[in-house]
Amino acid sequence: MQLCFVFARQFGHTCRPNSGEDHKMAKVAFLGLGVMGYPMAGHLQAAGHDVTVYNRTTAKAEAWVAQHGGAMGATPKDAVKSAEFVMACVGNDDDLRMICSAEDGAFQGMSDGAIFVDHTTVSADVTRELYEAGAAQGIAFVDAPISGGQAGAENGVLSIMCGGDQGAYDAVEPLMDVYSKICRRIGDSGAGQLTKMCNQIAIAGLVQALSEALHFAEKAGLDGRSVVEVISQGAAGSWQMVNRHETMLDDHFDHGFAVDWMRKDLGICMDAANVNGASLPVTALVDQFYKDVQKLGGGRWDTSSLFKRLRALD
């Protein structure tokens, strides 16, 4: 109950952990209604919070309001008026800067003491830049990138890795609990984004290894499903293996997180590694394999399409 009490003391709410029930609503703005943000904002509204949404494509915001209720703002500045919490889930560093710092951006409309929570995967540099800019205006900034894909967002079981001040994290964690299965503060500003880089580095290697295993099975004349049924129960098992092997074998690559976005994320990882001295040879190689997928016309295919690249080499 401790984090809930922090939330209650700061904003006069009563609540219980990991539940959207039995608490006074918070005033929330949600900026960005893509495949992740749309259901995340919906979970907040369903939990009883007062949600105002903004999306660059107005039709998407109108559809969200028609489905979930709540309200929509014409600009980020308009959407965040009187909001205690502002959540964002947009595309990249430039998109985040724009919705925060533009003339009609969120920072221009947020109240002193409000908290901005960024669920976008961006660089740690832009995170720290906006953390400092927010602090100068009395706005707390929490970097909170997410993992779990479209299904995780829709089912409210995302993993959220956070950076920022402890007090701001404590205040906003009960809201993030509405759409997460685990939410942790890793450290100071930027730590959440650096943790997300670890996540993407691990995924890249896992998907390539799975693709190679399935391709090897096919070339050896084995049934891929039978192979996975056995090896997934041993040391080779992974979430990717359990959840993606069948669609990979069936040549279906429409699971939401696109190759274009993965290459953006891996670029962030490698830029950070150039600064901190980490060695990422496998990540760099897999990034080039994703470039090959783009050349096949698969920029919007999901990340498991590395398997399709191997088939194309036959």
Protein backbone atom coordinates (compact mmCIF):
# COMPACT_ATOMS: atom_id res chain seq x y z
CA MET A 1 0.00 0.00 0.00
CA GLN A 2 2.96 2.39 0.44
CA LEU A 3 3.02 3.77 -3.12
CA CYS A 4 -0.72 4.19 -3.06
CA PHE A 5 -0.41 6.29 0.08
CA VAL A 6 2.17 8.52 -1.61
CA PHE A 7 -0.28 9.05 -4.45
CA ALA A 8 -3.08 9.78 -2.01
CA ARG A 9 -1.04 12.26 0.03
CA GLN A 10 0.12 14.18 -3.03
CA PHE A 11 -3.16 14.37 -4.91
CA GLY A 12 -5.86 13.63 -2.36
CA HIS A 13 -6.84 10.29 -3.93
CA THR A 14 -7.57 6.98 -2.29
CA CYS A 15 -6.69 3.79 -4.09
CA ARG A 16 -5.42 0.27 -3.85
CA PRO A 17 -2.39 -1.18 -5.66
CA ASN A 18 -2.70 -2.73 -9.13
CA SER A 19 -6.33 -1.76 -9.53
CA GLY A 20 -8.28 0.96 -11.20
CA GLU A 21 -11.15 0.49 -8.77
CA ASP A 22 -12.16 2.21 -5.53
CA HIS A 23 -10.26 5.46 -5.99
CA LYS A 24 -11.05 9.01 -6.86
CA MET A 25 -10.31 9.70 -10.48
CA ALA A 26 -7.22 11.53 -11.63
CA LYS A 27 -7.21 14.12 -14.38
CA VAL A 28 -5.06 12.61 -17.14
CA ALA A 29 -4.03 13.62 -20.65
CA PHE A 30 -2.81 11.01 -23.12
CA LEU A 31 -0.85 12.19 -26.16
CA GLY A 32 -0.44 9.75 -29.04
CA LEU A 33 -2.97 7.09 -29.98
CA GLY A 34 -1.02 4.57 -32.01
CA VAL A 35 -1.24 0.81 -31.65
CA MET A 36 0.09 1.12 -28.08
CA GLY A 37 -1.29 4.44 -26.87
CA TYR A 38 -4.87 3.85 -28.03
CA PRO A 39 -5.53 0.84 -25.73
CA MET A 40 -3.40 2.25 -22.89
CA ALA A 41 -5.51 5.40 -22.78
CA GLY A 42 -8.59 3.20 -22.91
CA HIS A 43 -7.48 1.29 -19.81
CA LEU A 44 -7.10 4.55 -17.90
CA GLN A 45 -10.58 5.70 -18.87
CA ALA A 46 -12.08 2.30 -18.01
CA ALA A 47 -10.38 2.46 -14.60
CA GLY A 48 -12.36 5.60 -13.79
CA HIS A 49 -9.86 8.32 -14.61
CA ASP A 50 -10.84 11.48 -16.47
CA VAL A 51 -8.87 11.18 -19.72
CA THR A 52 -8.39 13.77 -22.44
CA VAL A 53 -6.60 12.54 -25.55
CA TYR A 54 -4.63 14.17 -28.34
CA ASN A 55 -3.51 12.63 -31.61
CA ARG A 56 -1.89 14.26 -34.60
CA THR A 57 -4.49 12.55 -36.82
CA THR A 58 -7.70 13.98 -35.42
CA ALA A 59 -9.86 11.13 -36.72
CA LYS A 60 -8.07 8.69 -34.42
CA ALA A 61 -8.81 10.87 -31.37
CA GLU A 62 -12.44 11.19 -32.45
CA ALA A 63 -12.70 7.40 -32.78
CA TRP A 64 -11.18 6.94 -29.31
CA VAL A 65 -13.66 9.33 -27.71
CA ALA A 66 -16.55 7.63 -29.51
CA GLN A 67 -15.40 4.27 -28.16
CA HIS A 68 -14.27 5.17 -24.65
CA GLY A 69 -15.80 8.52 -23.74
CA GLY A 70 -13.58 11.20 -22.25
CA ALA A 71 -12.55 14.24 -24.26
CA MET A 72 -10.04 15.29 -26.91
CA GLY A 73 -7.80 18.32 -27.26
CA ALA A 74 -7.04 20.17 -30.46
CA THR A 75 -3.34 20.51 -29.52
CA PRO A 76 -1.10 19.01 -26.83
CA LYS A 77 -1.32 22.31 -24.95
CA ASP A 78 -5.09 22.19 -25.08
CA ALA A 79 -5.28 18.53 -24.02
CA VAL A 80 -3.14 18.94 -20.88
CA LYS A 81 -5.00 21.84 -19.30
CA SER A 82 -5.62 21.04 -15.61
CA ALA A 83 -4.14 17.53 -16.02
CA GLU A 84 -2.28 16.14 -13.02
CA PHE A 85 -0.61 13.53 -15.22
CA VAL A 86 0.32 13.63 -18.89
CA MET A 87 1.18 10.38 -20.66
CA ALA A 88 2.79 10.33 -24.11
CA CYS A 89 3.42 7.53 -26.59
CA VAL A 90 4.64 8.92 -29.90
CA GLY A 91 7.21 8.00 -32.56
CA ASN A 92 10.74 9.28 -31.99
CA ASP A 93 12.93 12.01 -30.47
CA ASP A 94 11.66 14.74 -32.78
CA ASP A 95 8.00 13.82 -32.18
CA LEU A 96 8.54 13.91 -28.43
CA ARG A 97 10.30 17.28 -28.54
CA MET A 98 7.46 18.67 -30.62
CA ILE A 99 4.63 17.59 -28.34
CA CYS A 100 6.54 18.78 -25.28
CA SER A 101 8.26 21.98 -26.31
CA ALA A 102 6.53 23.45 -29.37
CA GLU A 103 4.52 26.65 -29.06
CA ASP A 104 1.36 24.55 -28.66
CA GLY A 105 3.19 21.76 -26.80
CA ALA A 106 2.34 20.14 -23.50
CA PHE A 107 4.89 22.03 -21.42
CA GLN A 108 3.16 25.27 -22.41
CA GLY A 109 -0.11 24.11 -20.85
CA MET A 110 0.89 21.96 -17.88
CA SER A 111 0.45 23.22 -14.34
CA ASP A 112 3.24 23.55 -11.81
CA GLY A 113 3.57 20.20 -10.03
CA ALA A 114 2.14 18.12 -12.86
CA ILE A 115 3.95 14.97 -14.00
CA PHE A 116 4.82 14.09 -17.61
CA VAL A 117 5.29 10.37 -18.31
CA ASP A 118 6.93 9.41 -21.60
CA HIS A 119 6.17 5.89 -22.86
CA THR A 120 7.94 6.47 -26.19
CA THR A 121 11.19 4.67 -26.96
CA VAL A 122 13.64 7.53 -27.49
CA SER A 123 17.26 8.37 -26.73
CA ALA A 124 18.40 8.94 -23.17
CA ASP A 125 19.75 12.30 -24.38
CA VAL A 126 16.34 13.72 -25.31
CA THR A 127 14.93 12.29 -22.12
CA ARG A 128 17.45 14.17 -19.98
CA GLU A 129 16.98 17.31 -22.06
CA LEU A 130 13.23 17.30 -21.45
CA TYR A 131 13.69 16.33 -17.79
CA GLU A 132 15.74 19.50 -17.31
CA ALA A 133 13.34 21.65 -19.35
CA GLY A 134 10.41 20.37 -17.34
CA ALA A 135 12.16 20.92 -14.02
CA ALA A 136 12.74 24.56 -14.94
CA GLN A 137 8.95 24.93 -15.21
CA GLY A 138 8.07 22.90 -12.12
CA ILE A 139 7.10 19.83 -14.19
CA ALA A 140 8.35 16.36 -13.26
CA PHE A 141 9.41 14.12 -16.17
CA VAL A 142 9.47 10.32 -15.93
CA ASP A 143 10.87 8.24 -18.80
CA ALA A 144 8.81 5.05 -18.91
CA PRO A 145 9.34 3.07 -22.14
CA ILE A 146 7.22 -0.03 -22.54
CA SER A 147 7.62 -3.61 -23.75
CA GLY A 148 5.01 -6.21 -24.53
CA GLY A 149 3.80 -5.22 -27.96
CA GLN A 150 0.30 -4.47 -29.16
CA ALA A 151 -1.14 -7.50 -27.35
CA GLY A 152 0.47 -6.37 -24.10
CA ALA A 153 -1.07 -2.92 -24.45
CA GLU A 154 -4.50 -4.28 -25.32
CA ASN A 155 -4.47 -6.76 -22.43
CA GLY A 156 -2.98 -4.32 -19.91
CA VAL A 157 0.11 -6.47 -19.20
CA LEU A 158 3.00 -4.28 -20.35
CA SER A 159 6.44 -4.21 -18.79
CA ILE A 160 7.42 -0.64 -17.91
CA MET A 161 10.97 0.46 -17.11
CA CYS A 162 11.29 3.91 -15.57
CA GLY A 163 13.79 6.65 -14.88
CA GLY A 164 13.32 9.91 -13.02
CA ASP A 165 12.82 11.25 -9.52
CA GLN A 166 11.57 8.78 -6.92
CA GLY A 167 8.73 11.02 -5.76
CA ALA A 168 7.35 11.52 -9.27
CA TYR A 169 7.57 7.79 -9.95
CA ASP A 170 5.80 6.95 -6.69
CA ALA A 171 2.99 9.33 -7.57
CA VAL A 172 2.38 7.97 -11.06
CA GLU A 173 2.99 4.25 -10.52
CA PRO A 174 -0.65 3.51 -9.53
CA LEU A 175 -1.80 4.84 -12.90
CA MET A 176 0.76 2.79 -14.83
CA ASP A 177 -0.33 -0.28 -12.87
CA VAL A 178 -3.63 -0.05 -14.78
CA TYR A 179 -1.94 -1.26 -17.98
CA SER A 180 1.16 -3.10 -16.75
CA LYS A 181 2.11 -6.44 -15.25
CA ILE A 182 5.41 -5.04 -13.92
CA CYS A 183 6.54 -1.45 -13.45
CA ARG A 184 9.88 -0.56 -11.91
CA ARG A 185 12.00 2.55 -11.38
CA ILE A 186 15.51 1.63 -12.48
CA GLY A 187 17.26 4.89 -11.63
CA ASP A 188 17.57 8.58 -12.42
CA SER A 189 16.42 10.31 -15.60
CA GLY A 190 17.35 8.26 -18.68
CA ALA A 191 17.61 4.93 -16.83
CA GLY A 192 14.28 3.76 -18.23
CA GLN A 193 15.38 4.41 -21.80
CA LEU A 194 18.72 2.70 -21.24
CA THR A 195 16.87 -0.33 -19.88
CA LYS A 196 14.63 -0.37 -22.96
CA MET A 197 17.80 -0.46 -25.06
CA CYS A 198 18.82 -3.61 -23.18
CA ASN A 199 15.39 -5.04 -24.01
CA GLN A 200 15.72 -4.33 -27.73
CA ILE A 201 19.27 -5.67 -27.86
CA ALA A 202 18.07 -8.94 -26.31
CA ILE A 203 15.06 -9.22 -28.62
CA ALA A 204 17.14 -8.68 -31.76
CA GLY A 205 19.45 -11.56 -30.93
CA LEU A 206 16.63 -13.86 -29.82
CA VAL A 207 14.55 -13.37 -32.97
CA GLN A 208 17.53 -13.95 -35.25
CA ALA A 209 18.47 -17.12 -33.35
CA LEU A 210 14.88 -18.39 -33.52
CA SER A 211 14.72 -17.61 -37.23
CA GLU A 212 17.91 -19.54 -37.85
CA ALA A 213 16.68 -22.51 -35.80
CA LEU A 214 13.38 -22.68 -37.73
CA HIS A 215 15.19 -22.27 -41.05
CA PHE A 216 17.63 -25.04 -40.13
CA ALA A 217 14.71 -27.31 -39.19
CA GLU A 218 13.05 -26.69 -42.56
CA LYS A 219 16.26 -27.36 -44.49
CA ALA A 220 16.76 -30.56 -42.49
CA GLY A 221 13.28 -31.78 -43.40
CA LEU A 222 11.91 -31.49 -39.85
CA ASP A 223 8.49 -30.29 -38.76
CA GLY A 224 9.13 -26.89 -37.17
CA ARG A 225 6.16 -27.11 -34.81
CA SER A 226 7.28 -30.46 -33.45
CA VAL A 227 10.81 -29.17 -33.01
CA VAL A 228 9.61 -26.14 -31.04
CA GLU A 229 7.25 -28.24 -28.93
CA VAL A 230 10.29 -30.09 -27.62
CA ILE A 231 13.02 -27.45 -27.45
CA SER A 232 10.77 -24.75 -25.99
CA GLN A 233 10.56 -26.82 -22.81
CA GLY A 234 14.31 -26.74 -22.32
CA ALA A 235 17.06 -24.15 -22.11
CA ALA A 236 16.28 -22.78 -25.59
CA GLY A 237 12.77 -21.67 -24.62
CA SER A 238 11.77 -18.00 -24.87
CA TRP A 239 8.71 -15.79 -25.20
CA GLN A 240 9.54 -15.26 -28.86
CA MET A 241 9.70 -19.00 -29.47
CA VAL A 242 6.38 -19.74 -27.77
CA ASN A 243 4.47 -16.80 -29.22
CA ARG A 244 5.94 -16.35 -32.68
CA HIS A 245 7.10 -19.69 -34.10
CA GLU A 246 3.73 -20.68 -35.58
CA THR A 247 3.08 -17.35 -37.29
CA MET A 248 6.65 -17.31 -38.59
CA LEU A 249 6.20 -20.76 -40.11
CA ASP A 250 2.85 -19.63 -41.56
CA ASP A 251 4.46 -16.55 -43.15
CA HIS A 252 2.37 -14.10 -41.09
CA PHE A 253 4.19 -10.95 -39.97
CA ASP A 254 1.52 -8.50 -38.86
CA HIS A 255 1.95 -8.34 -35.10
CA GLY A 256 2.24 -4.60 -34.65
CA PHE A 257 5.86 -3.69 -33.91
CA ALA A 258 7.30 -2.90 -37.31
CA VAL A 259 10.80 -3.44 -38.66
CA ASP A 260 11.04 0.31 -39.35
CA TRP A 261 10.55 1.01 -35.65
CA MET A 262 12.96 -1.72 -34.60
CA ARG A 263 15.68 -0.22 -36.78
CA LYS A 264 15.01 3.15 -35.16
CA ASP A 265 15.41 1.56 -31.73
CA LEU A 266 18.56 -0.36 -32.65
CA GLY A 267 20.06 2.85 -33.99
CA ILE A 268 19.46 4.43 -30.58
CA CYS A 269 21.14 1.42 -28.93
CA MET A 270 24.22 1.63 -31.12
CA ASP A 271 24.52 5.40 -30.69
CA ALA A 272 24.46 4.91 -26.91
CA ALA A 273 27.02 2.10 -27.15
CA ASN A 274 29.37 4.40 -29.07
CA VAL A 275 29.26 6.70 -26.06
CA ASN A 276 29.48 4.18 -23.21
CA GLY A 277 31.88 1.79 -24.91
CA ALA A 278 29.62 -1.29 -24.95
CA SER A 279 30.31 -3.86 -27.68
CA LEU A 280 27.22 -4.79 -29.73
CA PRO A 281 28.44 -6.91 -32.65
CA VAL A 282 25.35 -9.14 -32.85
CA THR A 283 23.02 -6.15 -32.59
CA ALA A 284 24.84 -4.38 -35.41
CA LEU A 285 24.63 -7.48 -37.58
CA VAL A 286 20.92 -8.03 -36.94
CA ASP A 287 20.27 -4.37 -37.71
CA GLN A 288 21.71 -5.01 -41.16
CA PHE A 289 19.49 -8.07 -41.53
CA TYR A 290 16.49 -5.84 -40.77
CA LYS A 291 17.78 -3.50 -43.48
CA ASP A 292 17.56 -6.47 -45.85
CA VAL A 293 13.94 -6.99 -44.75
CA GLN A 294 13.20 -3.38 -45.59
CA LYS A 295 14.68 -3.94 -49.06
CA LEU A 296 12.23 -6.85 -49.46
CA GLY A 297 9.42 -4.35 -48.87
CA GLY A 298 8.95 -5.40 -45.26
CA GLY A 299 9.39 -2.16 -43.38
CA ARG A 300 5.92 -2.56 -41.86
CA TRP A 301 6.27 -6.29 -41.20
CA ASP A 302 6.84 -7.17 -37.55
CA THR A 303 10.24 -8.03 -36.16
CA SER A 304 9.82 -11.80 -36.51
CA SER A 305 10.14 -11.29 -40.30
CA LEU A 306 13.86 -12.03 -39.98
CA PHE A 307 12.72 -15.57 -40.77
CA LYS A 308 11.23 -14.40 -44.07
CA ARG A 309 14.63 -12.94 -44.97
CA LEU A 310 16.24 -16.38 -44.54
CA ARG A 311 13.58 -18.02 -46.70
CA ALA A 312 14.19 -15.38 -49.35
CA LEU A 313 17.84 -16.41 -49.49
CA ASP A 314 16.94 -19.99 -50.51
